Amino acid sequence: MPADAASHEVETALIEHFRRFLPDGFEIIEPVCGALFFTEGEA
């Protein structure tokens, strides 16, 4: 990621990367300052 990337570009890239490893049944609830918080999704 380039040093001059916009914050939304960084956030989007982080979410896309994290979704590759997120177990089934979980969802991202809030990306904050380079951290992603997740919880079990509603079935």
N, C-alpha and C. Protein backbone atom coordinates (compact mmCIF):
# COMPACT_ATOMS: atom_id res chain seq x y z
N MET A 1 0.86 -1.17 0.00
CA MET A 1 0.00 0.00 0.00
C MET A 1 0.90 1.23 0.00
N PRO A 2 0.71 2.15 -0.93
CA PRO A 2 1.55 3.35 -0.98
C PRO A 2 1.35 4.21 0.27
N ALA A 3 2.39 4.93 0.65
CA ALA A 3 2.33 5.78 1.83
C ALA A 3 1.29 6.89 1.69
N ASP A 4 0.99 7.28 0.45
CA ASP A 4 0.03 8.37 0.25
C ASP A 4 -1.38 7.86 -0.06
N ALA A 5 -1.66 6.59 0.22
CA ALA A 5 -2.98 6.03 -0.03
C ALA A 5 -4.01 6.71 0.88
N ALA A 6 -5.18 6.95 0.32
CA ALA A 6 -6.26 7.54 1.11
C ALA A 6 -6.73 6.54 2.16
N SER A 7 -7.23 7.04 3.27
CA SER A 7 -7.64 6.15 4.37
C SER A 7 -8.70 5.16 3.93
N HIS A 8 -9.63 5.57 3.04
CA HIS A 8 -10.66 4.63 2.60
C HIS A 8 -10.05 3.51 1.74
N GLU A 9 -8.96 3.80 1.02
CA GLU A 9 -8.30 2.76 0.24
C GLU A 9 -7.64 1.74 1.17
N VAL A 10 -7.04 2.22 2.23
CA VAL A 10 -6.41 1.33 3.20
C VAL A 10 -7.47 0.48 3.88
N GLU A 11 -8.57 1.10 4.29
CA GLU A 11 -9.65 0.39 4.95
C GLU A 11 -10.24 -0.68 4.03
N THR A 12 -10.47 -0.34 2.77
CA THR A 12 -11.02 -1.29 1.81
C THR A 12 -10.08 -2.47 1.61
N ALA A 13 -8.80 -2.20 1.47
CA ALA A 13 -7.82 -3.27 1.29
C ALA A 13 -7.76 -4.17 2.51
N LEU A 14 -7.81 -3.58 3.70
CA LEU A 14 -7.77 -4.36 4.93
C LEU A 14 -8.99 -5.26 5.05
N ILE A 15 -10.16 -4.73 4.74
CA ILE A 15 -11.38 -5.53 4.80
C ILE A 15 -11.33 -6.68 3.80
N GLU A 16 -10.92 -6.41 2.57
CA GLU A 16 -10.83 -7.46 1.56
C GLU A 16 -9.86 -8.55 1.98
N HIS A 17 -8.73 -8.15 2.55
CA HIS A 17 -7.74 -9.13 3.01
C HIS A 17 -8.31 -9.95 4.17
N PHE A 18 -8.92 -9.29 5.12
CA PHE A 18 -9.42 -9.98 6.31
C PHE A 18 -10.53 -10.96 5.97
N ARG A 19 -11.37 -10.63 4.99
CA ARG A 19 -12.48 -11.52 4.61
C ARG A 19 -11.99 -12.86 4.10
N ARG A 20 -10.77 -12.92 3.60
CA ARG A 20 -10.21 -14.20 3.13
C ARG A 20 -10.03 -15.19 4.28
N PHE A 21 -9.84 -14.68 5.49
CA PHE A 21 -9.54 -15.53 6.63
C PHE A 21 -10.67 -15.59 7.66
N LEU A 22 -11.72 -14.80 7.46
CA LEU A 22 -12.82 -14.76 8.41
C LEU A 22 -13.62 -16.06 8.30
N PRO A 23 -13.81 -16.76 9.42
CA PRO A 23 -14.55 -18.02 9.37
C PRO A 23 -16.00 -17.80 8.93
N ASP A 24 -16.59 -18.83 8.36
CA ASP A 24 -18.01 -18.77 7.98
C ASP A 24 -18.83 -18.45 9.22
N GLY A 25 -19.86 -17.67 9.04
CA GLY A 25 -20.74 -17.32 10.15
C GLY A 25 -20.32 -16.09 10.92
N PHE A 26 -19.22 -15.45 10.53
CA PHE A 26 -18.78 -14.23 11.19
C PHE A 26 -18.89 -13.07 10.22
N GLU A 27 -19.07 -11.88 10.77
CA GLU A 27 -19.16 -10.69 9.93
C GLU A 27 -18.35 -9.57 10.57
N ILE A 28 -17.85 -8.69 9.72
CA ILE A 28 -17.11 -7.53 10.18
C ILE A 28 -18.13 -6.50 10.65
N ILE A 29 -17.93 -5.97 11.87
CA ILE A 29 -18.90 -5.00 12.37
C ILE A 29 -18.37 -3.58 12.38
N GLU A 30 -17.05 -3.40 12.46
CA GLU A 30 -16.54 -2.03 12.49
C GLU A 30 -15.04 -1.99 12.22
N PRO A 31 -14.64 -1.40 11.11
CA PRO A 31 -13.21 -1.19 10.89
C PRO A 31 -12.80 0.13 11.55
N VAL A 32 -11.78 0.10 12.41
CA VAL A 32 -11.36 1.30 13.13
C VAL A 32 -9.84 1.37 13.17
N CYS A 33 -9.26 2.42 12.65
CA CYS A 33 -7.82 2.69 12.78
C CYS A 33 -6.96 1.47 12.47
N GLY A 34 -7.26 0.76 11.41
CA GLY A 34 -6.45 -0.38 11.02
C GLY A 34 -6.78 -1.66 11.73
N ALA A 35 -7.81 -1.65 12.59
CA ALA A 35 -8.24 -2.86 13.28
C ALA A 35 -9.65 -3.20 12.81
N LEU A 36 -9.95 -4.48 12.74
CA LEU A 36 -11.29 -4.90 12.37
C LEU A 36 -11.90 -5.66 13.53
N PHE A 37 -13.10 -5.29 13.88
CA PHE A 37 -13.82 -5.98 14.93
C PHE A 37 -14.88 -6.84 14.26
N PHE A 38 -15.04 -8.05 14.76
CA PHE A 38 -16.00 -8.94 14.13
C PHE A 38 -16.78 -9.70 15.18
N THR A 39 -17.91 -10.22 14.77
CA THR A 39 -18.79 -10.95 15.66
C THR A 39 -19.42 -12.08 14.88
N GLU A 40 -20.01 -13.02 15.60
CA GLU A 40 -20.74 -14.08 14.92
C GLU A 40 -21.93 -13.46 14.22
N GLY A 41 -22.13 -13.84 12.96
CA GLY A 41 -23.26 -13.32 12.20
C GLY A 41 -24.55 -13.95 12.67
N GLU A 42 -25.65 -13.30 12.33
CA GLU A 42 -26.94 -13.85 12.69
C GLU A 42 -27.33 -14.90 11.66
N ALA A 43 -27.71 -16.06 12.14
CA ALA A 43 -28.04 -17.18 11.25
C ALA A 43 -29.47 -17.12 10.79
